[in-house]
Amino acid sequence: MLKMNENAGPLRIGVLGMQGAVIEHEGALKRADESIEIVLVRSPDDVKNLDGLILPGGESTTISINVARGALLPILQEWIHAGRPTFGTCAGLILMSKPNMGGFDCTVERNYYGSQSDSFVTTVLHNLKELGPSSKGVFIRAPAIQEVSDQVTPLAVIDHIAGQQIVAIQQGNFLGTTFHPELTTDPTWHRYFLKIAKAYKKQALEAYQ
């Protein structure tokens, strides 16, 4: 059973260490806030006492297989079903849109923009004032968010040949991007996720006392 981090000290953020840009996410988190503690998540015990969890990009099928083999699936499902702060990038977002994992009430199409050779960097236009006007987004075999329910808030879009595309969403304590913010030097998205995690922890500690 998941435990709340009862320590009022720095945030403890887990990064799923099965595949993907794990080191890059760790670097982005430190750029956002040097004081946080980062936990590499590879076993169920690693999920205990976290304040937030990042599901990195990579190959979503491979990540799913590795998670199941490592007996992580039940505790990750419990984490997400409890509404705890979770940030999914690219394949991580795909995992959070699947019925067996849960998280986002949205429909996602894998590899929407093409293969690895079709990767691109473009300007991401933000819809939320506190994120600033824009940032750079790295799209590598990126998915597309096709449909969202009224429970989901689009946070950013890009202008694409196929029309304007939603590339970042939020649903409660869940944050997701179809691009890789960790592959830039701009910590905007990780800083925003830490804000979500910090607010959740504050509320949980107040309820616990």
N, C-alpha and C. Protein backbone atom coordinates (compact mmCIF):
# COMPACT_ATOMS: atom_id res chain seq x y z
N MET A 1 0.84 -1.20 0.00
CA MET A 1 0.00 0.00 0.00
C MET A 1 0.88 1.25 0.00
N LEU A 2 0.48 2.24 -0.79
CA LEU A 2 1.26 3.47 -0.90
C LEU A 2 1.20 4.28 0.38
N LYS A 3 2.33 4.87 0.73
CA LYS A 3 2.40 5.75 1.88
C LYS A 3 2.67 7.17 1.42
N MET A 4 2.10 8.12 2.13
CA MET A 4 2.39 9.52 1.87
C MET A 4 3.75 9.85 2.46
N ASN A 5 4.49 10.72 1.79
CA ASN A 5 5.74 11.22 2.34
C ASN A 5 5.41 12.21 3.45
N GLU A 6 5.60 11.79 4.70
CA GLU A 6 5.24 12.63 5.84
C GLU A 6 6.34 13.61 6.22
N ASN A 7 7.45 13.57 5.50
CA ASN A 7 8.56 14.48 5.77
C ASN A 7 8.26 15.83 5.14
N ALA A 8 8.33 16.88 5.95
CA ALA A 8 8.03 18.22 5.45
C ALA A 8 9.21 18.84 4.71
N GLY A 9 10.28 18.09 4.51
CA GLY A 9 11.47 18.60 3.84
C GLY A 9 11.31 18.69 2.34
N PRO A 10 12.42 18.65 1.59
CA PRO A 10 12.39 18.80 0.13
C PRO A 10 11.53 17.73 -0.54
N LEU A 11 11.03 18.06 -1.70
CA LEU A 11 10.23 17.11 -2.47
C LEU A 11 11.06 15.89 -2.86
N ARG A 12 10.42 14.72 -2.87
CA ARG A 12 11.04 13.49 -3.37
C ARG A 12 10.31 13.11 -4.66
N ILE A 13 11.01 13.21 -5.77
CA ILE A 13 10.42 12.94 -7.08
C ILE A 13 11.04 11.69 -7.68
N GLY A 14 10.20 10.75 -8.06
CA GLY A 14 10.67 9.53 -8.69
C GLY A 14 10.68 9.65 -10.20
N VAL A 15 11.66 9.01 -10.83
CA VAL A 15 11.73 8.93 -12.30
C VAL A 15 11.76 7.45 -12.65
N LEU A 16 10.76 6.98 -13.40
CA LEU A 16 10.72 5.58 -13.80
C LEU A 16 11.96 5.25 -14.61
N GLY A 17 12.75 4.28 -14.15
CA GLY A 17 14.06 4.02 -14.74
C GLY A 17 14.10 2.82 -15.66
N MET A 18 13.02 2.54 -16.38
CA MET A 18 12.98 1.38 -17.26
C MET A 18 13.57 1.64 -18.64
N GLN A 19 13.37 2.83 -19.16
CA GLN A 19 13.84 3.18 -20.50
C GLN A 19 13.66 4.68 -20.68
N GLY A 20 14.30 5.24 -21.69
CA GLY A 20 14.07 6.63 -22.03
C GLY A 20 15.09 7.58 -21.44
N ALA A 21 14.77 8.87 -21.51
CA ALA A 21 15.71 9.92 -21.13
C ALA A 21 15.70 10.15 -19.62
N VAL A 22 16.08 9.14 -18.88
CA VAL A 22 16.04 9.21 -17.41
C VAL A 22 17.02 10.25 -16.88
N ILE A 23 18.26 10.19 -17.35
CA ILE A 23 19.29 11.14 -16.89
C ILE A 23 18.90 12.57 -17.24
N GLU A 24 18.32 12.74 -18.42
CA GLU A 24 17.91 14.08 -18.86
C GLU A 24 16.80 14.63 -17.97
N HIS A 25 15.88 13.76 -17.56
CA HIS A 25 14.82 14.21 -16.64
C HIS A 25 15.42 14.60 -15.29
N GLU A 26 16.38 13.84 -14.83
CA GLU A 26 17.03 14.17 -13.56
C GLU A 26 17.69 15.55 -13.65
N GLY A 27 18.36 15.81 -14.77
CA GLY A 27 19.00 17.11 -14.96
C GLY A 27 17.99 18.23 -15.01
N ALA A 28 16.87 18.00 -15.70
CA ALA A 28 15.83 19.03 -15.80
C ALA A 28 15.21 19.32 -14.44
N LEU A 29 15.01 18.29 -13.64
CA LEU A 29 14.47 18.48 -12.29
C LEU A 29 15.41 19.32 -11.44
N LYS A 30 16.70 19.05 -11.52
CA LYS A 30 17.67 19.81 -10.74
C LYS A 30 17.76 21.26 -11.22
N ARG A 31 17.59 21.47 -12.53
CA ARG A 31 17.57 22.86 -13.03
C ARG A 31 16.34 23.60 -12.51
N ALA A 32 15.26 22.87 -12.34
CA ALA A 32 14.03 23.47 -11.84
C ALA A 32 14.11 23.77 -10.35
N ASP A 33 14.77 22.87 -9.59
CA ASP A 33 14.90 23.05 -8.14
C ASP A 33 16.02 22.15 -7.63
N GLU A 34 17.14 22.75 -7.29
CA GLU A 34 18.31 21.98 -6.84
C GLU A 34 18.08 21.25 -5.53
N SER A 35 17.09 21.67 -4.76
CA SER A 35 16.90 21.10 -3.42
C SER A 35 16.16 19.77 -3.42
N ILE A 36 15.53 19.39 -4.51
CA ILE A 36 14.70 18.19 -4.49
C ILE A 36 15.55 16.92 -4.44
N GLU A 37 14.94 15.86 -3.94
CA GLU A 37 15.57 14.54 -3.92
C GLU A 37 14.99 13.72 -5.07
N ILE A 38 15.85 13.12 -5.88
CA ILE A 38 15.41 12.34 -7.03
C ILE A 38 15.61 10.86 -6.74
N VAL A 39 14.58 10.07 -7.01
CA VAL A 39 14.62 8.63 -6.76
C VAL A 39 14.44 7.90 -8.09
N LEU A 40 15.37 7.02 -8.43
CA LEU A 40 15.25 6.19 -9.64
C LEU A 40 14.32 5.02 -9.32
N VAL A 41 13.21 4.94 -10.02
CA VAL A 41 12.18 3.94 -9.72
C VAL A 41 12.35 2.72 -10.62
N ARG A 42 12.71 1.60 -10.00
CA ARG A 42 12.86 0.34 -10.73
C ARG A 42 12.17 -0.82 -10.03
N SER A 43 11.69 -0.60 -8.82
CA SER A 43 11.00 -1.65 -8.07
C SER A 43 9.86 -1.02 -7.28
N PRO A 44 8.89 -1.82 -6.83
CA PRO A 44 7.77 -1.27 -6.06
C PRO A 44 8.20 -0.48 -4.84
N ASP A 45 9.27 -0.92 -4.17
CA ASP A 45 9.73 -0.20 -2.97
C ASP A 45 10.18 1.22 -3.28
N ASP A 46 10.63 1.46 -4.51
CA ASP A 46 11.12 2.78 -4.89
C ASP A 46 10.00 3.82 -4.95
N VAL A 47 8.75 3.35 -5.04
CA VAL A 47 7.62 4.27 -5.17
C VAL A 47 7.17 4.79 -3.80
N LYS A 48 7.60 4.14 -2.74
CA LYS A 48 7.18 4.54 -1.40
C LYS A 48 7.68 5.94 -1.05
N ASN A 49 6.81 6.71 -0.42
CA ASN A 49 7.16 8.03 0.11
C ASN A 49 7.60 9.04 -0.95
N LEU A 50 7.08 8.90 -2.16
CA LEU A 50 7.36 9.90 -3.19
C LEU A 50 6.32 11.01 -3.14
N ASP A 51 6.70 12.18 -3.63
CA ASP A 51 5.77 13.30 -3.76
C ASP A 51 5.31 13.48 -5.20
N GLY A 52 6.01 12.87 -6.12
CA GLY A 52 5.66 12.98 -7.54
C GLY A 52 6.41 11.92 -8.32
N LEU A 53 5.90 11.62 -9.52
CA LEU A 53 6.50 10.57 -10.34
C LEU A 53 6.52 11.00 -11.80
N ILE A 54 7.66 10.78 -12.46
CA ILE A 54 7.80 11.08 -13.89
C ILE A 54 7.90 9.78 -14.67
N LEU A 55 7.09 9.67 -15.73
CA LEU A 55 7.15 8.55 -16.66
C LEU A 55 7.80 9.06 -17.94
N PRO A 56 9.07 8.73 -18.18
CA PRO A 56 9.80 9.30 -19.33
C PRO A 56 9.33 8.74 -20.67
N GLY A 57 9.84 9.36 -21.73
CA GLY A 57 9.60 8.86 -23.07
C GLY A 57 10.43 7.62 -23.32
N GLY A 58 10.28 7.07 -24.50
CA GLY A 58 10.94 5.83 -24.89
C GLY A 58 10.02 5.09 -25.83
N GLU A 59 9.99 3.78 -25.75
CA GLU A 59 9.08 2.98 -26.55
C GLU A 59 8.01 2.45 -25.61
N SER A 60 6.77 2.88 -25.81
CA SER A 60 5.71 2.60 -24.82
C SER A 60 5.47 1.12 -24.61
N THR A 61 5.55 0.32 -25.68
CA THR A 61 5.33 -1.12 -25.53
C THR A 61 6.44 -1.75 -24.69
N THR A 62 7.69 -1.36 -24.97
CA THR A 62 8.83 -1.88 -24.20
C THR A 62 8.72 -1.48 -22.73
N ILE A 63 8.36 -0.23 -22.48
CA ILE A 63 8.22 0.23 -21.10
C ILE A 63 7.13 -0.57 -20.39
N SER A 64 6.00 -0.80 -21.08
CA SER A 64 4.90 -1.56 -20.48
C SER A 64 5.34 -2.96 -20.11
N ILE A 65 6.09 -3.62 -21.00
CA ILE A 65 6.59 -4.98 -20.74
C ILE A 65 7.53 -4.98 -19.55
N ASN A 66 8.46 -4.01 -19.52
CA ASN A 66 9.42 -3.95 -18.42
C ASN A 66 8.75 -3.67 -17.08
N VAL A 67 7.73 -2.81 -17.11
CA VAL A 67 6.99 -2.49 -15.88
C VAL A 67 6.28 -3.74 -15.36
N ALA A 68 5.66 -4.50 -16.28
CA ALA A 68 4.95 -5.72 -15.88
C ALA A 68 5.92 -6.76 -15.33
N ARG A 69 7.07 -6.91 -15.97
CA ARG A 69 8.07 -7.89 -15.51
C ARG A 69 8.62 -7.54 -14.14
N GLY A 70 8.76 -6.26 -13.89
CA GLY A 70 9.32 -5.82 -12.62
C GLY A 70 8.30 -5.70 -11.50
N ALA A 71 7.08 -6.17 -11.75
CA ALA A 71 6.00 -6.13 -10.75
C ALA A 71 5.64 -4.71 -10.34
N LEU A 72 5.96 -3.75 -11.21
CA LEU A 72 5.66 -2.35 -10.89
C LEU A 72 4.23 -1.95 -11.27
N LEU A 73 3.63 -2.70 -12.19
CA LEU A 73 2.33 -2.28 -12.73
C LEU A 73 1.28 -2.04 -11.64
N PRO A 74 1.08 -2.96 -10.69
CA PRO A 74 0.04 -2.73 -9.68
C PRO A 74 0.25 -1.46 -8.86
N ILE A 75 1.49 -1.21 -8.46
CA ILE A 75 1.72 -0.03 -7.61
C ILE A 75 1.65 1.26 -8.42
N LEU A 76 2.04 1.21 -9.71
CA LEU A 76 1.88 2.39 -10.56
C LEU A 76 0.40 2.68 -10.80
N GLN A 77 -0.37 1.61 -11.00
CA GLN A 77 -1.82 1.78 -11.16
C GLN A 77 -2.42 2.39 -9.89
N GLU A 78 -1.98 1.89 -8.74
CA GLU A 78 -2.48 2.42 -7.46
C GLU A 78 -2.11 3.89 -7.31
N TRP A 79 -0.87 4.22 -7.69
CA TRP A 79 -0.40 5.61 -7.62
C TRP A 79 -1.28 6.53 -8.46
N ILE A 80 -1.51 6.14 -9.70
CA ILE A 80 -2.28 6.98 -10.61
C ILE A 80 -3.76 7.02 -10.22
N HIS A 81 -4.31 5.87 -9.84
CA HIS A 81 -5.73 5.85 -9.45
C HIS A 81 -5.98 6.68 -8.20
N ALA A 82 -4.93 6.88 -7.38
CA ALA A 82 -5.05 7.73 -6.19
C ALA A 82 -4.94 9.21 -6.55
N GLY A 83 -4.66 9.51 -7.81
CA GLY A 83 -4.57 10.90 -8.26
C GLY A 83 -3.31 11.61 -7.83
N ARG A 84 -2.24 10.87 -7.63
CA ARG A 84 -0.99 11.49 -7.18
C ARG A 84 -0.24 12.15 -8.35
N PRO A 85 0.56 13.17 -8.06
CA PRO A 85 1.22 13.94 -9.13
C PRO A 85 2.07 13.06 -10.04
N THR A 86 1.75 13.07 -11.33
CA THR A 86 2.43 12.25 -12.32
C THR A 86 2.63 13.06 -13.59
N PHE A 87 3.84 12.97 -14.14
CA PHE A 87 4.21 13.71 -15.35
C PHE A 87 4.65 12.70 -16.40
N GLY A 88 3.88 12.57 -17.47
CA GLY A 88 4.22 11.66 -18.55
C GLY A 88 4.66 12.41 -19.79
N THR A 89 5.86 12.08 -20.30
CA THR A 89 6.35 12.72 -21.52
C THR A 89 6.40 11.69 -22.64
N CYS A 90 5.84 12.04 -23.79
CA CYS A 90 5.85 11.19 -24.99
C CYS A 90 5.28 9.80 -24.66
N ALA A 91 6.11 8.76 -24.59
CA ALA A 91 5.61 7.42 -24.28
C ALA A 91 4.95 7.37 -22.90
N GLY A 92 5.44 8.20 -21.98
CA GLY A 92 4.82 8.27 -20.65
C GLY A 92 3.39 8.75 -20.73
N LEU A 93 3.13 9.72 -21.61
CA LEU A 93 1.78 10.20 -21.85
C LEU A 93 0.92 9.09 -22.45
N ILE A 94 1.49 8.32 -23.38
CA ILE A 94 0.75 7.21 -23.99
C ILE A 94 0.33 6.21 -22.91
N LEU A 95 1.26 5.87 -22.02
CA LEU A 95 0.93 4.94 -20.93
C LEU A 95 -0.21 5.47 -20.07
N MET A 96 -0.20 6.77 -19.81
CA MET A 96 -1.22 7.37 -18.95
C MET A 96 -2.57 7.50 -19.64
N SER A 97 -2.62 7.25 -20.95
CA SER A 97 -3.89 7.31 -21.68
C SER A 97 -4.49 5.92 -21.88
N LYS A 98 -3.74 4.87 -21.47
CA LYS A 98 -4.22 3.50 -21.65
C LYS A 98 -5.16 3.11 -20.51
N PRO A 99 -6.23 2.35 -20.84
CA PRO A 99 -7.20 1.96 -19.80
C PRO A 99 -6.58 1.20 -18.63
N ASN A 100 -5.57 0.35 -18.91
CA ASN A 100 -5.01 -0.46 -17.81
C ASN A 100 -4.15 0.36 -16.85
N MET A 101 -3.66 1.51 -17.30
CA MET A 101 -2.87 2.38 -16.43
C MET A 101 -3.72 3.53 -15.92
N GLY A 102 -4.43 4.17 -16.81
CA GLY A 102 -5.30 5.25 -16.40
C GLY A 102 -4.54 6.56 -16.21
N GLY A 103 -5.30 7.59 -15.95
CA GLY A 103 -4.72 8.91 -15.75
C GLY A 103 -5.45 9.95 -16.56
N PHE A 104 -5.17 9.97 -17.86
CA PHE A 104 -5.77 10.97 -18.73
C PHE A 104 -7.01 10.43 -19.44
N ASP A 105 -8.04 11.26 -19.47
CA ASP A 105 -9.24 10.94 -20.24
C ASP A 105 -9.08 11.54 -21.63
N CYS A 106 -8.26 10.85 -22.44
CA CYS A 106 -7.96 11.36 -23.77
C CYS A 106 -7.66 10.21 -24.72
N THR A 107 -7.66 10.52 -26.01
CA THR A 107 -7.31 9.55 -27.04
C THR A 107 -6.01 9.98 -27.69
N VAL A 108 -5.05 9.05 -27.79
CA VAL A 108 -3.72 9.35 -28.30
C VAL A 108 -3.39 8.45 -29.48
N GLU A 109 -2.78 9.03 -30.51
CA GLU A 109 -2.30 8.25 -31.65
C GLU A 109 -0.78 8.21 -31.63
N ARG A 110 -0.21 7.01 -31.60
CA ARG A 110 1.24 6.85 -31.55
C ARG A 110 1.89 7.24 -32.88
N ASN A 111 3.13 7.72 -32.78
CA ASN A 111 3.97 8.02 -33.96
C ASN A 111 3.23 8.87 -35.00
N TYR A 112 2.46 9.82 -34.53
CA TYR A 112 1.61 10.61 -35.42
C TYR A 112 2.42 11.40 -36.44
N TYR A 113 3.58 11.89 -36.03
CA TYR A 113 4.37 12.77 -36.90
C TYR A 113 5.39 12.02 -37.75
N GLY A 114 5.41 10.68 -37.65
CA GLY A 114 6.33 9.91 -38.47
C GLY A 114 7.37 9.16 -37.65
N SER A 115 8.39 8.68 -38.35
CA SER A 115 9.43 7.85 -37.74
C SER A 115 10.51 8.71 -37.09
N GLN A 116 11.56 8.04 -36.63
CA GLN A 116 12.69 8.72 -35.99
C GLN A 116 13.29 9.80 -36.90
N SER A 117 13.35 9.51 -38.19
CA SER A 117 13.95 10.46 -39.14
C SER A 117 13.09 11.70 -39.34
N ASP A 118 11.83 11.64 -38.89
CA ASP A 118 10.93 12.79 -39.02
C ASP A 118 10.91 13.65 -37.76
N SER A 119 11.83 13.39 -36.84
CA SER A 119 11.89 14.17 -35.60
C SER A 119 12.11 15.66 -35.91
N PHE A 120 11.61 16.51 -35.04
CA PHE A 120 11.75 17.95 -35.28
C PHE A 120 11.69 18.73 -33.97
N VAL A 121 12.17 19.96 -34.04
CA VAL A 121 12.10 20.90 -32.92
C VAL A 121 11.27 22.09 -33.38
N THR A 122 10.32 22.50 -32.57
CA THR A 122 9.47 23.62 -32.96
C THR A 122 9.04 24.41 -31.72
N THR A 123 8.40 25.54 -31.97
CA THR A 123 7.93 26.39 -30.88
C THR A 123 6.62 25.86 -30.32
N VAL A 124 6.59 25.68 -29.02
CA VAL A 124 5.38 25.25 -28.31
C VAL A 124 4.71 26.49 -27.73
N LEU A 125 3.46 26.72 -28.11
CA LEU A 125 2.72 27.90 -27.68
C LEU A 125 1.90 27.57 -26.44
N HIS A 126 2.15 28.29 -25.35
CA HIS A 126 1.51 27.98 -24.08
C HIS A 126 0.16 28.67 -23.94
N ASN A 127 -0.79 27.97 -23.33
CA ASN A 127 -2.11 28.53 -23.05
C ASN A 127 -2.25 29.02 -21.62
N LEU A 128 -1.24 28.71 -20.79
CA LEU A 128 -1.28 29.07 -19.38
C LEU A 128 -0.27 30.17 -19.11
N LYS A 129 -0.74 31.29 -18.56
CA LYS A 129 0.10 32.47 -18.39
C LYS A 129 1.36 32.20 -17.59
N GLU A 130 1.25 31.41 -16.51
CA GLU A 130 2.41 31.21 -15.64
C GLU A 130 3.52 30.40 -16.31
N LEU A 131 3.22 29.74 -17.42
CA LEU A 131 4.25 29.02 -18.17
C LEU A 131 5.06 29.94 -19.07
N GLY A 132 4.60 31.18 -19.22
CA GLY A 132 5.23 32.07 -20.18
C GLY A 132 4.62 31.86 -21.55
N PRO A 133 5.00 32.67 -22.54
CA PRO A 133 4.37 32.58 -23.86
C PRO A 133 4.69 31.32 -24.65
N SER A 134 5.93 30.83 -24.56
CA SER A 134 6.31 29.70 -25.41
C SER A 134 7.59 29.04 -24.90
N SER A 135 7.87 27.88 -25.47
CA SER A 135 9.12 27.16 -25.21
C SER A 135 9.44 26.33 -26.44
N LYS A 136 10.60 25.70 -26.45
CA LYS A 136 10.98 24.81 -27.54
C LYS A 136 10.57 23.38 -27.19
N GLY A 137 10.02 22.68 -28.18
CA GLY A 137 9.63 21.29 -27.97
C GLY A 137 10.38 20.37 -28.92
N VAL A 138 10.92 19.29 -28.39
CA VAL A 138 11.62 18.28 -29.18
C VAL A 138 10.66 17.11 -29.39
N PHE A 139 10.34 16.84 -30.65
CA PHE A 139 9.37 15.80 -31.00
C PHE A 139 10.08 14.64 -31.68
N ILE A 140 10.11 13.48 -31.00
CA ILE A 140 10.79 12.29 -31.52
C ILE A 140 9.78 11.14 -31.54
N ARG A 141 9.36 10.73 -32.72
CA ARG A 141 8.33 9.70 -32.86
C ARG A 141 7.16 10.01 -31.93
N ALA A 142 6.78 11.27 -31.94
CA ALA A 142 5.83 11.77 -30.94
C ALA A 142 4.40 11.34 -31.25
N PRO A 143 3.62 11.13 -30.20
CA PRO A 143 2.19 10.87 -30.38
C PRO A 143 1.43 12.16 -30.59
N ALA A 144 0.17 12.03 -30.96
CA ALA A 144 -0.73 13.18 -31.05
C ALA A 144 -1.91 12.96 -30.12
N ILE A 145 -2.33 14.01 -29.47
CA ILE A 145 -3.53 13.96 -28.63
C ILE A 145 -4.71 14.28 -29.53
N GLN A 146 -5.53 13.28 -29.80
CA GLN A 146 -6.61 13.43 -30.77
C GLN A 146 -7.89 13.98 -30.16
N GLU A 147 -8.24 13.49 -28.99
CA GLU A 147 -9.46 13.94 -28.32
C GLU A 147 -9.22 14.04 -26.82
N VAL A 148 -9.87 15.01 -26.20
CA VAL A 148 -9.81 15.14 -24.73
C VAL A 148 -11.22 15.37 -24.21
N SER A 149 -11.46 14.92 -22.99
CA SER A 149 -12.75 15.17 -22.36
C SER A 149 -12.74 16.55 -21.72
N ASP A 150 -13.89 16.93 -21.16
CA ASP A 150 -13.94 18.25 -20.51
C ASP A 150 -13.24 18.24 -19.15
N GLN A 151 -12.70 17.07 -18.75
CA GLN A 151 -11.90 16.99 -17.53
C GLN A 151 -10.44 17.35 -17.77
N VAL A 152 -10.07 17.45 -19.05
CA VAL A 152 -8.68 17.68 -19.44
C VAL A 152 -8.49 19.12 -19.92
N THR A 153 -7.43 19.76 -19.44
CA THR A 153 -7.13 21.14 -19.85
C THR A 153 -5.93 21.15 -20.80
N PRO A 154 -6.12 21.59 -22.05
CA PRO A 154 -4.97 21.75 -22.96
C PRO A 154 -4.10 22.91 -22.47
N LEU A 155 -2.81 22.65 -22.32
CA LEU A 155 -1.88 23.67 -21.82
C LEU A 155 -1.02 24.28 -22.91
N ALA A 156 -0.87 23.58 -24.04
CA ALA A 156 0.01 24.09 -25.10
C ALA A 156 -0.34 23.44 -26.43
N VAL A 157 -0.01 24.16 -27.51
CA VAL A 157 -0.26 23.68 -28.87
C VAL A 157 0.95 23.99 -29.74
N ILE A 158 0.99 23.35 -30.91
CA ILE A 158 1.95 23.73 -31.95
C ILE A 158 1.18 23.95 -33.24
N ASP A 159 1.75 24.78 -34.10
CA ASP A 159 1.22 24.93 -35.46
C ASP A 159 1.88 23.90 -36.34
N HIS A 160 1.07 23.06 -36.98
CA HIS A 160 1.58 21.95 -37.78
C HIS A 160 0.88 21.95 -39.12
N ILE A 161 1.48 21.29 -40.11
CA ILE A 161 0.90 21.23 -41.44
C ILE A 161 -0.50 20.62 -41.41
N ALA A 162 -0.74 19.73 -40.44
CA ALA A 162 -2.06 19.10 -40.31
C ALA A 162 -3.03 19.97 -39.50
N GLY A 163 -2.57 21.15 -39.09
CA GLY A 163 -3.39 22.03 -38.27
C GLY A 163 -2.83 22.16 -36.87
N GLN A 164 -3.43 23.02 -36.08
CA GLN A 164 -2.94 23.22 -34.71
C GLN A 164 -3.16 21.96 -33.88
N GLN A 165 -2.11 21.52 -33.18
CA GLN A 165 -2.15 20.28 -32.42
C GLN A 165 -1.93 20.55 -30.93
N ILE A 166 -2.75 19.90 -30.09
CA ILE A 166 -2.54 19.95 -28.65
C ILE A 166 -1.32 19.11 -28.30
N VAL A 167 -0.38 19.67 -27.56
CA VAL A 167 0.85 18.93 -27.24
C VAL A 167 1.14 18.85 -25.74
N ALA A 168 0.32 19.48 -24.92
CA ALA A 168 0.49 19.39 -23.47
C ALA A 168 -0.88 19.50 -22.81
N ILE A 169 -1.11 18.65 -21.80
CA ILE A 169 -2.41 18.63 -21.13
C ILE A 169 -2.22 18.46 -19.63
N GLN A 170 -3.28 18.84 -18.90
CA GLN A 170 -3.31 18.62 -17.45
C GLN A 170 -4.69 18.12 -17.07
N GLN A 171 -4.73 17.16 -16.17
CA GLN A 171 -5.98 16.67 -15.60
C GLN A 171 -5.75 16.46 -14.11
N GLY A 172 -6.20 17.39 -13.31
CA GLY A 172 -5.92 17.32 -11.88
C GLY A 172 -4.43 17.41 -11.61
N ASN A 173 -3.89 16.39 -10.95
CA ASN A 173 -2.45 16.35 -10.64
C ASN A 173 -1.62 15.68 -11.73
N PHE A 174 -2.24 15.38 -12.86
CA PHE A 174 -1.54 14.73 -13.96
C PHE A 174 -1.12 15.76 -15.01
N LEU A 175 0.13 15.68 -15.44
CA LEU A 175 0.68 16.55 -16.48
C LEU A 175 1.24 15.67 -17.58
N GLY A 176 0.99 16.04 -18.83
CA GLY A 176 1.51 15.24 -19.94
C GLY A 176 1.92 16.10 -21.12
N THR A 177 3.02 15.70 -21.77
CA THR A 177 3.46 16.37 -22.99
C THR A 177 3.76 15.32 -24.05
N THR A 178 3.45 15.64 -25.30
CA THR A 178 3.79 14.72 -26.39
C THR A 178 5.24 14.88 -26.81
N PHE A 179 5.86 15.96 -26.37
CA PHE A 179 7.26 16.26 -26.70
C PHE A 179 8.16 15.96 -25.50
N HIS A 180 9.45 16.22 -25.67
CA HIS A 180 10.46 15.92 -24.65
C HIS A 180 11.03 17.22 -24.06
N PRO A 181 10.41 17.79 -23.03
CA PRO A 181 10.97 19.02 -22.44
C PRO A 181 12.32 18.79 -21.78
N GLU A 182 12.60 17.54 -21.40
CA GLU A 182 13.87 17.24 -20.73
C GLU A 182 15.07 17.32 -21.67
N LEU A 183 14.82 17.36 -22.99
CA LEU A 183 15.91 17.42 -23.96
C LEU A 183 16.29 18.85 -24.33
N THR A 184 15.74 19.82 -23.61
CA THR A 184 16.15 21.22 -23.76
C THR A 184 16.75 21.67 -22.42
N THR A 185 17.27 22.87 -22.40
CA THR A 185 17.83 23.42 -21.15
C THR A 185 16.80 24.24 -20.37
N ASP A 186 15.59 24.32 -20.90
CA ASP A 186 14.53 25.12 -20.28
C ASP A 186 13.74 24.25 -19.29
N PRO A 187 13.77 24.59 -17.99
CA PRO A 187 13.08 23.77 -16.99
C PRO A 187 11.62 24.13 -16.76
N THR A 188 11.03 24.91 -17.67
CA THR A 188 9.67 25.41 -17.46
C THR A 188 8.68 24.32 -17.08
N TRP A 189 8.65 23.23 -17.85
CA TRP A 189 7.64 22.20 -17.62
C TRP A 189 7.91 21.40 -16.35
N HIS A 190 9.17 21.16 -16.05
CA HIS A 190 9.49 20.46 -14.81
C HIS A 190 9.21 21.34 -13.60
N ARG A 191 9.46 22.63 -13.73
CA ARG A 191 9.15 23.56 -12.64
C ARG A 191 7.64 23.59 -12.38
N TYR A 192 6.86 23.55 -13.45
CA TYR A 192 5.41 23.54 -13.29
C TYR A 192 4.95 22.24 -12.62
N PHE A 193 5.57 21.12 -13.00
CA PHE A 193 5.21 19.85 -12.36
C PHE A 193 5.56 19.87 -10.88
N LEU A 194 6.69 20.43 -10.53
CA LEU A 194 7.07 20.52 -9.12
C LEU A 194 6.09 21.38 -8.34
N LYS A 195 5.53 22.38 -8.98
CA LYS A 195 4.51 23.20 -8.33
C LYS A 195 3.27 22.36 -8.02
N ILE A 196 2.89 21.49 -8.97
CA ILE A 196 1.76 20.59 -8.75
C ILE A 196 2.05 19.66 -7.57
N ALA A 197 3.25 19.08 -7.57
CA ALA A 197 3.64 18.14 -6.51
C ALA A 197 3.70 18.83 -5.15
N LYS A 198 4.21 20.05 -5.14
CA LYS A 198 4.33 20.79 -3.88
C LYS A 198 2.95 21.11 -3.30
N ALA A 199 2.02 21.51 -4.16
CA ALA A 199 0.66 21.83 -3.71
C ALA A 199 -0.04 20.58 -3.18
N TYR A 200 0.18 19.45 -3.87
CA TYR A 200 -0.42 18.19 -3.43
C TYR A 200 0.13 17.78 -2.06
N LYS A 201 1.44 17.90 -1.90
CA LYS A 201 2.07 17.51 -0.63
C LYS A 201 1.57 18.39 0.51
N LYS A 202 1.47 19.68 0.27
CA LYS A 202 0.99 20.61 1.30
C LYS A 202 -0.42 20.25 1.74
N GLN A 203 -1.28 19.98 0.77
CA GLN A 203 -2.66 19.62 1.08
C GLN A 203 -2.73 18.29 1.84
N ALA A 204 -1.91 17.32 1.41
CA ALA A 204 -1.92 16.01 2.06
C ALA A 204 -1.41 16.09 3.50
N LEU A 205 -0.36 16.88 3.72
CA LEU A 205 0.19 17.03 5.07
C LEU A 205 -0.81 17.72 5.99
N GLU A 206 -1.50 18.72 5.48
CA GLU A 206 -2.50 19.42 6.29
C GLU A 206 -3.65 18.50 6.67
N ALA A 207 -4.04 17.63 5.72
CA ALA A 207 -5.13 16.68 6.00
C ALA A 207 -4.70 15.61 6.98
N TYR A 208 -3.40 15.28 6.96
CA TYR A 208 -2.86 14.22 7.81
C TYR A 208 -2.74 14.68 9.26
N GLN A 209 -2.47 15.97 9.46
CA GLN A 209 -2.22 16.48 10.81
C GLN A 209 -3.52 16.60 11.61
